Every structure is written in C-alpha cells, then in structure tokens.
Amino acid sequence: MEPHSAPLPARRTFLSALVKMMLTLPVALSGAVALLILSPKRTEKKEPLFIPVLGEDELPKQGVKRIELSVNTGKEGQHTVTHRIFAVRNKGKLFILSSRCTHLGCLVEWSRSRKRFLCPCHGGTYDMEGIVAGGPPPRPLSRLPVAIRNGRVYVGIAV
C-alpha cells in the first residue's frame, strides 16, 4: 500500500471549522429574518373604489358637511363597512377628509363653534383644511379622492 500523500486535517482544525460554521449559521439566519421583517412591504397600490355619496347640489356652499356611507367590501363573507367622511368647501376649494385621527385612529368630529375638527380621545385638533392645529396627531387628516360626474359626487374609498 502506498502512503497517503495529502495530509489529513488535524482533529482540532476540523472541530474549529465545525464550531465556526455552527456559530455563523444562526447569525446569518437571524440577519436574513431581520431583513425580511424590517424591509418595507411591497403592496400593490389598488385603485380606490369610487362611490356616489350625494348630489352636487347637496354639497356645502361654504363649511363642513358630515357624510355617513356604507360600502360592501365585495370580499369573501361580504360584509358592509360604514365610513364617516367630511365634505369641506373652503375658499372655493372642495375636498373630502377622512374622519380618522392620524394619532390612533379615533373618529374626529367637526365643531362648528370652534371651527375645528376635534379628537375626543387624546385632544388632537385639526383646522378646517385638516391640518394639525394641536395635540398629538403626527400628520393632517387624510384627503380622499373626489370626482363630480353628471351632478353626483363620488368619493374614492380603499376597499
């Protein structure tokens, strides 16, 4: 028999490499999981569903009008979701505001006497344009897409 020409790795070298691999693998897996969790989700931007909410003649000439509407989700189990929105006409501009406070999602109300949208839960206030006027909300009230066609006002709702 001919002696083996390639030197066999020493037991210590083999165990050292094995331990390094066993320590590196969990770190690499943890890093991959962290990247998956922290990376932004890639969601498909869906077009809003435009729903007729009222006639053009029912819009306020100036000021705020509260509107309640029910939307069938059209998803499995088909249930109806009720939305509260505000039609606002200010300085000749018409826009629709969501009633959800941007702090924690509470429903805001319009105070005609104070000319402010008020959040009853945490004291957030918004001016007539939906811009934060006080309290903890981090951003303005959301503006919803609006279209007027054939004398009807349509509001875009994400379903």
N, C-alpha and C. Protein backbone atom coordinates (compact mmCIF):
# COMPACT_ATOMS: atom_id res chain seq x y z
N MET A 1 0.82 -1.18 0.00
CA MET A 1 0.00 0.00 0.00
C MET A 1 0.87 1.25 0.00
N GLU A 2 0.41 2.14 -0.73
CA GLU A 2 1.14 3.39 -0.85
C GLU A 2 0.68 4.35 0.24
N PRO A 3 1.58 5.06 0.87
CA PRO A 3 1.17 6.02 1.90
C PRO A 3 0.36 7.15 1.29
N HIS A 4 -0.57 7.64 2.07
CA HIS A 4 -1.45 8.75 1.65
C HIS A 4 -0.63 10.01 1.51
N SER A 5 -0.69 10.66 0.34
CA SER A 5 0.16 11.82 0.11
C SER A 5 -0.42 13.12 0.66
N ALA A 6 -1.77 13.28 0.65
CA ALA A 6 -2.37 14.52 1.15
C ALA A 6 -2.49 14.44 2.67
N PRO A 7 -2.05 15.51 3.36
CA PRO A 7 -2.14 15.46 4.82
C PRO A 7 -3.60 15.56 5.26
N LEU A 8 -3.98 14.74 6.21
CA LEU A 8 -5.33 14.78 6.75
C LEU A 8 -5.44 15.95 7.72
N PRO A 9 -6.60 16.66 7.70
CA PRO A 9 -6.72 17.77 8.63
C PRO A 9 -6.70 17.27 10.06
N ALA A 10 -6.06 18.02 10.86
CA ALA A 10 -5.97 17.66 12.27
C ALA A 10 -7.36 17.74 12.89
N ARG A 11 -7.56 16.95 13.90
CA ARG A 11 -8.86 16.91 14.58
C ARG A 11 -9.22 18.30 15.11
N ARG A 12 -8.29 18.99 15.64
CA ARG A 12 -8.52 20.32 16.20
C ARG A 12 -8.96 21.30 15.12
N THR A 13 -8.36 21.26 13.96
CA THR A 13 -8.73 22.14 12.85
C THR A 13 -10.15 21.86 12.39
N PHE A 14 -10.46 20.56 12.28
CA PHE A 14 -11.81 20.17 11.87
C PHE A 14 -12.86 20.67 12.87
N LEU A 15 -12.63 20.45 14.16
CA LEU A 15 -13.58 20.90 15.19
C LEU A 15 -13.71 22.42 15.22
N SER A 16 -12.62 23.11 15.00
CA SER A 16 -12.64 24.58 14.97
C SER A 16 -13.52 25.07 13.81
N ALA A 17 -13.35 24.48 12.65
CA ALA A 17 -14.17 24.86 11.49
C ALA A 17 -15.64 24.54 11.73
N LEU A 18 -15.91 23.39 12.36
CA LEU A 18 -17.28 22.99 12.65
C LEU A 18 -17.95 23.97 13.61
N VAL A 19 -17.24 24.38 14.65
CA VAL A 19 -17.79 25.34 15.62
C VAL A 19 -18.05 26.68 14.95
N LYS A 20 -17.12 27.15 14.12
CA LYS A 20 -17.31 28.42 13.41
C LYS A 20 -18.55 28.37 12.53
N MET A 21 -18.74 27.26 11.83
CA MET A 21 -19.91 27.11 10.97
C MET A 21 -21.20 27.10 11.80
N MET A 22 -21.16 26.40 12.92
CA MET A 22 -22.35 26.32 13.78
C MET A 22 -22.70 27.68 14.38
N LEU A 23 -21.73 28.54 14.62
CA LEU A 23 -21.99 29.87 15.16
C LEU A 23 -22.39 30.86 14.06
N THR A 24 -21.85 30.69 12.87
CA THR A 24 -22.14 31.60 11.76
C THR A 24 -23.54 31.38 11.20
N LEU A 25 -23.98 30.16 11.12
CA LEU A 25 -25.28 29.85 10.54
C LEU A 25 -26.44 30.54 11.27
N PRO A 26 -26.55 30.48 12.60
CA PRO A 26 -27.65 31.19 13.27
C PRO A 26 -27.58 32.71 13.10
N VAL A 27 -26.37 33.26 13.09
CA VAL A 27 -26.22 34.70 12.90
C VAL A 27 -26.71 35.09 11.50
N ALA A 28 -26.34 34.32 10.51
CA ALA A 28 -26.77 34.62 9.14
C ALA A 28 -28.29 34.48 9.00
N LEU A 29 -28.86 33.44 9.60
CA LEU A 29 -30.31 33.26 9.56
C LEU A 29 -31.03 34.40 10.28
N SER A 30 -30.51 34.81 11.42
CA SER A 30 -31.11 35.92 12.17
C SER A 30 -31.07 37.21 11.36
N GLY A 31 -29.97 37.44 10.68
CA GLY A 31 -29.85 38.63 9.84
C GLY A 31 -30.85 38.60 8.69
N ALA A 32 -31.02 37.43 8.07
CA ALA A 32 -31.98 37.30 6.98
C ALA A 32 -33.41 37.54 7.46
N VAL A 33 -33.75 37.00 8.62
CA VAL A 33 -35.09 37.21 9.19
C VAL A 33 -35.29 38.68 9.52
N ALA A 34 -34.27 39.33 10.10
CA ALA A 34 -34.38 40.75 10.43
C ALA A 34 -34.61 41.58 9.18
N LEU A 35 -33.92 41.26 8.10
CA LEU A 35 -34.12 41.99 6.85
C LEU A 35 -35.53 41.81 6.32
N LEU A 36 -36.07 40.61 6.42
CA LEU A 36 -37.44 40.37 5.96
C LEU A 36 -38.44 41.17 6.79
N ILE A 37 -38.23 41.24 8.08
CA ILE A 37 -39.16 41.94 8.97
C ILE A 37 -39.08 43.44 8.79
N LEU A 38 -37.86 43.96 8.67
CA LEU A 38 -37.67 45.41 8.62
C LEU A 38 -37.82 46.02 7.24
N SER A 39 -37.75 45.21 6.19
CA SER A 39 -37.89 45.77 4.85
C SER A 39 -39.35 46.15 4.59
N PRO A 40 -39.57 47.25 3.87
CA PRO A 40 -40.95 47.68 3.62
C PRO A 40 -41.69 46.65 2.76
N LYS A 41 -42.97 46.51 3.06
CA LYS A 41 -43.78 45.57 2.30
C LYS A 41 -44.06 46.15 0.92
N ARG A 42 -44.02 45.31 -0.06
CA ARG A 42 -44.34 45.73 -1.42
C ARG A 42 -45.79 45.38 -1.68
N THR A 43 -46.62 46.36 -1.46
CA THR A 43 -48.04 46.12 -1.67
C THR A 43 -48.44 46.73 -3.00
N GLU A 44 -49.34 46.07 -3.63
CA GLU A 44 -49.87 46.60 -4.88
C GLU A 44 -50.78 47.76 -4.54
N LYS A 45 -50.55 48.87 -5.23
CA LYS A 45 -51.39 50.02 -4.99
C LYS A 45 -52.70 49.80 -5.75
N LYS A 46 -53.77 49.64 -4.98
CA LYS A 46 -55.06 49.40 -5.61
C LYS A 46 -55.73 50.73 -5.91
N GLU A 47 -56.44 50.74 -7.00
CA GLU A 47 -57.22 51.91 -7.34
C GLU A 47 -58.39 52.00 -6.37
N PRO A 48 -58.70 53.21 -5.89
CA PRO A 48 -59.85 53.33 -4.98
C PRO A 48 -61.15 53.04 -5.70
N LEU A 49 -62.11 52.57 -4.94
CA LEU A 49 -63.44 52.33 -5.45
C LEU A 49 -64.22 53.63 -5.30
N PHE A 50 -64.67 54.22 -6.41
CA PHE A 50 -65.41 55.48 -6.34
C PHE A 50 -66.88 55.19 -6.10
N ILE A 51 -67.39 55.75 -5.02
CA ILE A 51 -68.76 55.50 -4.59
C ILE A 51 -69.54 56.81 -4.62
N PRO A 52 -70.75 56.81 -5.19
CA PRO A 52 -71.55 58.03 -5.16
C PRO A 52 -72.03 58.28 -3.73
N VAL A 53 -71.80 59.50 -3.24
CA VAL A 53 -72.19 59.80 -1.85
C VAL A 53 -73.32 60.80 -1.73
N LEU A 54 -73.41 61.73 -2.67
CA LEU A 54 -74.51 62.71 -2.64
C LEU A 54 -74.56 63.47 -3.94
N GLY A 55 -75.61 64.24 -4.08
CA GLY A 55 -75.76 65.07 -5.27
C GLY A 55 -74.90 66.32 -5.14
N GLU A 56 -74.49 66.85 -6.27
CA GLU A 56 -73.64 68.05 -6.27
C GLU A 56 -74.34 69.21 -5.57
N ASP A 57 -75.67 69.28 -5.69
CA ASP A 57 -76.42 70.36 -5.05
C ASP A 57 -76.48 70.21 -3.53
N GLU A 58 -76.11 69.04 -2.97
CA GLU A 58 -76.11 68.82 -1.53
C GLU A 58 -74.79 69.21 -0.86
N LEU A 59 -73.80 69.57 -1.67
CA LEU A 59 -72.51 69.99 -1.10
C LEU A 59 -72.66 71.32 -0.38
N PRO A 60 -71.86 71.53 0.67
CA PRO A 60 -71.94 72.82 1.35
C PRO A 60 -71.40 73.94 0.44
N LYS A 61 -72.05 75.09 0.49
CA LYS A 61 -71.56 76.25 -0.27
C LYS A 61 -70.26 76.76 0.36
N GLN A 62 -70.19 76.66 1.69
CA GLN A 62 -69.01 77.02 2.48
C GLN A 62 -69.11 76.25 3.78
N GLY A 63 -68.01 75.68 4.24
CA GLY A 63 -68.02 74.97 5.51
C GLY A 63 -67.89 73.47 5.37
N VAL A 64 -68.42 72.75 6.39
CA VAL A 64 -68.21 71.31 6.50
C VAL A 64 -69.55 70.58 6.56
N LYS A 65 -69.63 69.45 5.86
CA LYS A 65 -70.81 68.59 5.93
C LYS A 65 -70.35 67.17 6.24
N ARG A 66 -70.92 66.60 7.30
CA ARG A 66 -70.61 65.23 7.69
C ARG A 66 -71.43 64.26 6.83
N ILE A 67 -70.77 63.20 6.34
CA ILE A 67 -71.43 62.22 5.48
C ILE A 67 -71.12 60.82 6.02
N GLU A 68 -72.17 60.01 6.16
CA GLU A 68 -72.00 58.60 6.55
C GLU A 68 -72.30 57.77 5.31
N LEU A 69 -71.42 56.81 5.00
CA LEU A 69 -71.71 55.95 3.86
C LEU A 69 -71.33 54.51 4.21
N SER A 70 -72.06 53.60 3.60
CA SER A 70 -71.81 52.17 3.80
C SER A 70 -71.29 51.58 2.51
N VAL A 71 -70.25 50.75 2.64
CA VAL A 71 -69.61 50.15 1.48
C VAL A 71 -69.57 48.65 1.67
N ASN A 72 -70.03 47.92 0.66
CA ASN A 72 -69.91 46.47 0.66
C ASN A 72 -68.49 46.15 0.21
N THR A 73 -67.75 45.41 1.02
CA THR A 73 -66.34 45.15 0.73
C THR A 73 -66.14 44.31 -0.52
N GLY A 74 -67.14 43.51 -0.89
CA GLY A 74 -67.01 42.67 -2.06
C GLY A 74 -66.06 41.52 -1.88
N LYS A 75 -65.56 41.35 -0.66
CA LYS A 75 -64.65 40.25 -0.38
C LYS A 75 -65.43 39.07 0.15
N GLU A 76 -64.72 37.95 0.30
CA GLU A 76 -65.37 36.74 0.79
C GLU A 76 -66.04 37.04 2.13
N GLY A 77 -67.27 36.59 2.30
CA GLY A 77 -68.02 36.89 3.51
C GLY A 77 -68.77 38.20 3.38
N GLN A 78 -68.56 38.92 2.31
CA GLN A 78 -69.16 40.21 2.00
C GLN A 78 -69.87 40.88 3.17
N HIS A 79 -69.13 41.72 3.85
CA HIS A 79 -69.75 42.49 4.91
C HIS A 79 -69.68 43.97 4.56
N THR A 80 -70.54 44.74 5.18
CA THR A 80 -70.64 46.17 4.90
C THR A 80 -69.82 46.95 5.91
N VAL A 81 -69.05 47.91 5.41
CA VAL A 81 -68.23 48.77 6.26
C VAL A 81 -68.81 50.18 6.18
N THR A 82 -69.00 50.80 7.34
CA THR A 82 -69.51 52.17 7.38
C THR A 82 -68.35 53.14 7.54
N HIS A 83 -68.35 54.18 6.72
CA HIS A 83 -67.32 55.21 6.76
C HIS A 83 -67.98 56.54 7.11
N ARG A 84 -67.28 57.35 7.88
CA ARG A 84 -67.70 58.72 8.13
C ARG A 84 -66.65 59.61 7.48
N ILE A 85 -67.12 60.51 6.64
CA ILE A 85 -66.23 61.43 5.95
C ILE A 85 -66.80 62.84 6.07
N PHE A 86 -66.00 63.81 5.71
CA PHE A 86 -66.44 65.20 5.75
C PHE A 86 -66.18 65.85 4.40
N ALA A 87 -67.24 66.44 3.84
CA ALA A 87 -67.11 67.25 2.63
C ALA A 87 -66.83 68.68 3.10
N VAL A 88 -65.77 69.27 2.60
CA VAL A 88 -65.37 70.60 3.05
C VAL A 88 -65.23 71.50 1.83
N ARG A 89 -65.84 72.67 1.94
CA ARG A 89 -65.62 73.70 0.92
C ARG A 89 -65.08 74.91 1.67
N ASN A 90 -63.86 75.28 1.30
CA ASN A 90 -63.20 76.40 1.97
C ASN A 90 -62.43 77.20 0.93
N LYS A 91 -62.69 78.49 0.88
CA LYS A 91 -62.03 79.40 -0.06
C LYS A 91 -62.16 78.90 -1.49
N GLY A 92 -63.35 78.39 -1.82
CA GLY A 92 -63.62 77.95 -3.18
C GLY A 92 -63.11 76.56 -3.50
N LYS A 93 -62.37 75.92 -2.59
CA LYS A 93 -61.85 74.57 -2.84
C LYS A 93 -62.76 73.54 -2.20
N LEU A 94 -63.00 72.44 -2.91
CA LEU A 94 -63.78 71.33 -2.38
C LEU A 94 -62.84 70.15 -2.16
N PHE A 95 -62.92 69.55 -0.98
CA PHE A 95 -62.16 68.33 -0.72
C PHE A 95 -62.91 67.49 0.29
N ILE A 96 -62.55 66.21 0.34
CA ILE A 96 -63.16 65.25 1.25
C ILE A 96 -62.10 64.79 2.23
N LEU A 97 -62.42 64.86 3.52
CA LEU A 97 -61.49 64.44 4.57
C LEU A 97 -61.98 63.17 5.25
N SER A 98 -61.04 62.31 5.59
CA SER A 98 -61.34 61.14 6.40
C SER A 98 -61.63 61.62 7.82
N SER A 99 -62.44 60.86 8.55
CA SER A 99 -62.73 61.23 9.94
C SER A 99 -61.79 60.54 10.92
N ARG A 100 -60.81 59.79 10.44
CA ARG A 100 -59.89 59.06 11.30
C ARG A 100 -58.73 59.96 11.74
N CYS A 101 -58.60 60.12 13.06
CA CYS A 101 -57.48 60.88 13.62
C CYS A 101 -56.19 60.16 13.26
N THR A 102 -55.18 60.91 12.87
CA THR A 102 -53.91 60.29 12.47
C THR A 102 -53.05 59.90 13.66
N HIS A 103 -53.52 60.16 14.87
CA HIS A 103 -52.78 59.74 16.06
C HIS A 103 -53.01 58.27 16.33
N LEU A 104 -54.26 57.90 16.68
CA LEU A 104 -54.57 56.50 16.97
C LEU A 104 -55.82 56.00 16.26
N GLY A 105 -56.33 56.76 15.31
CA GLY A 105 -57.46 56.29 14.51
C GLY A 105 -58.83 56.54 15.11
N CYS A 106 -58.92 57.36 16.14
CA CYS A 106 -60.23 57.69 16.72
C CYS A 106 -61.02 58.50 15.69
N LEU A 107 -62.34 58.58 15.87
CA LEU A 107 -63.17 59.36 14.95
C LEU A 107 -63.26 60.80 15.42
N VAL A 108 -62.89 61.72 14.55
CA VAL A 108 -62.96 63.14 14.88
C VAL A 108 -64.36 63.67 14.57
N GLU A 109 -64.71 64.76 15.19
CA GLU A 109 -65.99 65.45 14.95
C GLU A 109 -65.69 66.89 14.59
N TRP A 110 -66.57 67.49 13.80
CA TRP A 110 -66.44 68.90 13.45
C TRP A 110 -67.14 69.74 14.51
N SER A 111 -66.44 70.72 15.05
CA SER A 111 -67.02 71.67 15.99
C SER A 111 -67.26 72.97 15.25
N ARG A 112 -68.52 73.26 14.99
CA ARG A 112 -68.86 74.47 14.25
C ARG A 112 -68.46 75.72 15.03
N SER A 113 -68.67 75.69 16.36
CA SER A 113 -68.36 76.88 17.18
C SER A 113 -66.86 77.16 17.24
N ARG A 114 -66.04 76.11 17.28
CA ARG A 114 -64.58 76.30 17.35
C ARG A 114 -63.92 76.30 15.97
N LYS A 115 -64.70 75.93 14.95
CA LYS A 115 -64.18 75.82 13.58
C LYS A 115 -62.95 74.92 13.54
N ARG A 116 -63.09 73.76 14.18
CA ARG A 116 -62.02 72.78 14.27
C ARG A 116 -62.58 71.37 14.25
N PHE A 117 -61.78 70.42 13.73
CA PHE A 117 -62.08 69.01 13.90
C PHE A 117 -61.43 68.62 15.22
N LEU A 118 -62.19 67.94 16.07
CA LEU A 118 -61.70 67.59 17.40
C LEU A 118 -61.68 66.08 17.59
N CYS A 119 -60.59 65.59 18.15
CA CYS A 119 -60.50 64.17 18.51
C CYS A 119 -60.86 64.08 19.99
N PRO A 120 -61.92 63.34 20.33
CA PRO A 120 -62.36 63.29 21.72
C PRO A 120 -61.45 62.47 22.63
N CYS A 121 -60.60 61.65 22.08
CA CYS A 121 -59.81 60.73 22.92
C CYS A 121 -58.54 61.35 23.50
N HIS A 122 -57.77 62.03 22.67
CA HIS A 122 -56.46 62.49 23.12
C HIS A 122 -56.22 63.98 22.88
N GLY A 123 -57.28 64.70 22.56
CA GLY A 123 -57.16 66.15 22.44
C GLY A 123 -56.56 66.66 21.15
N GLY A 124 -56.49 65.85 20.13
CA GLY A 124 -55.98 66.32 18.85
C GLY A 124 -56.97 67.28 18.21
N THR A 125 -56.46 68.32 17.57
CA THR A 125 -57.31 69.26 16.85
C THR A 125 -56.74 69.51 15.46
N TYR A 126 -57.66 69.73 14.52
CA TYR A 126 -57.29 70.00 13.13
C TYR A 126 -58.09 71.21 12.67
N ASP A 127 -57.50 72.03 11.80
CA ASP A 127 -58.25 73.17 11.27
C ASP A 127 -59.19 72.69 10.16
N MET A 128 -59.88 73.63 9.53
CA MET A 128 -60.87 73.29 8.51
C MET A 128 -60.24 72.57 7.32
N GLU A 129 -58.96 72.78 7.06
CA GLU A 129 -58.27 72.12 5.95
C GLU A 129 -57.79 70.72 6.34
N GLY A 130 -57.94 70.35 7.63
CA GLY A 130 -57.48 69.05 8.10
C GLY A 130 -56.05 69.06 8.60
N ILE A 131 -55.45 70.25 8.70
CA ILE A 131 -54.06 70.37 9.15
C ILE A 131 -54.03 70.39 10.68
N VAL A 132 -53.04 69.71 11.26
CA VAL A 132 -52.93 69.61 12.71
C VAL A 132 -52.81 71.00 13.32
N ALA A 133 -53.70 71.29 14.28
CA ALA A 133 -53.68 72.57 14.97
C ALA A 133 -53.24 72.41 16.42
N GLY A 134 -53.20 71.19 16.93
CA GLY A 134 -52.76 70.96 18.30
C GLY A 134 -52.89 69.50 18.69
N GLY A 135 -52.21 69.15 19.77
CA GLY A 135 -52.30 67.79 20.29
C GLY A 135 -51.30 66.85 19.66
N PRO A 136 -51.51 65.54 19.84
CA PRO A 136 -50.52 64.56 19.42
C PRO A 136 -50.56 64.07 17.96
N PRO A 137 -51.56 64.40 17.12
CA PRO A 137 -51.55 63.82 15.77
C PRO A 137 -50.26 64.16 15.02
N PRO A 138 -49.66 63.15 14.36
CA PRO A 138 -48.40 63.37 13.66
C PRO A 138 -48.54 63.98 12.26
N ARG A 139 -49.73 63.90 11.68
CA ARG A 139 -49.91 64.43 10.31
C ARG A 139 -51.36 64.85 10.11
N PRO A 140 -51.65 65.56 9.03
CA PRO A 140 -53.01 66.03 8.76
C PRO A 140 -53.99 64.88 8.52
N LEU A 141 -55.28 65.21 8.57
CA LEU A 141 -56.31 64.24 8.22
C LEU A 141 -56.11 63.85 6.75
N SER A 142 -56.41 62.61 6.43
CA SER A 142 -56.24 62.13 5.05
C SER A 142 -57.29 62.75 4.14
N ARG A 143 -56.85 63.16 2.96
CA ARG A 143 -57.77 63.64 1.93
C ARG A 143 -58.09 62.47 1.01
N LEU A 144 -59.36 62.33 0.73
CA LEU A 144 -59.81 61.24 -0.15
C LEU A 144 -60.03 61.78 -1.55
N PRO A 145 -59.79 60.95 -2.57
CA PRO A 145 -60.03 61.42 -3.94
C PRO A 145 -61.52 61.67 -4.16
N VAL A 146 -61.82 62.72 -4.89
CA VAL A 146 -63.20 63.10 -5.16
C VAL A 146 -63.37 63.40 -6.64
N ALA A 147 -64.53 63.03 -7.17
CA ALA A 147 -64.85 63.32 -8.57
C ALA A 147 -66.32 63.71 -8.65
N ILE A 148 -66.62 64.64 -9.52
CA ILE A 148 -68.02 65.04 -9.74
C ILE A 148 -68.34 64.72 -11.19
N ARG A 149 -69.38 63.85 -11.35
CA ARG A 149 -69.81 63.44 -12.69
C ARG A 149 -71.32 63.41 -12.74
N ASN A 150 -71.85 64.03 -13.77
CA ASN A 150 -73.30 64.02 -14.01
C ASN A 150 -74.09 64.45 -12.77
N GLY A 151 -73.60 65.46 -12.08
CA GLY A 151 -74.34 66.01 -10.93
C GLY A 151 -74.21 65.18 -9.65
N ARG A 152 -73.37 64.14 -9.65
CA ARG A 152 -73.17 63.30 -8.46
C ARG A 152 -71.73 63.45 -7.98
N VAL A 153 -71.57 63.39 -6.66
CA VAL A 153 -70.24 63.46 -6.05
C VAL A 153 -69.81 62.03 -5.72
N TYR A 154 -68.64 61.65 -6.21
CA TYR A 154 -68.08 60.32 -5.97
C TYR A 154 -66.83 60.46 -5.11
N VAL A 155 -66.69 59.57 -4.13
CA VAL A 155 -65.51 59.59 -3.25
C VAL A 155 -64.79 58.26 -3.41
N GLY A 156 -63.46 58.34 -3.51
CA GLY A 156 -62.63 57.14 -3.63
C GLY A 156 -62.34 56.54 -2.27
N ILE A 157 -62.79 55.31 -2.07
CA ILE A 157 -62.59 54.60 -0.81
C ILE A 157 -61.73 53.37 -1.08
N ALA A 158 -60.71 53.17 -0.25
CA ALA A 158 -59.90 51.94 -0.38
C ALA A 158 -60.68 50.79 0.23
N VAL A 159 -60.85 49.74 -0.54
CA VAL A 159 -61.63 48.59 -0.07
C VAL A 159 -60.71 47.40 0.08
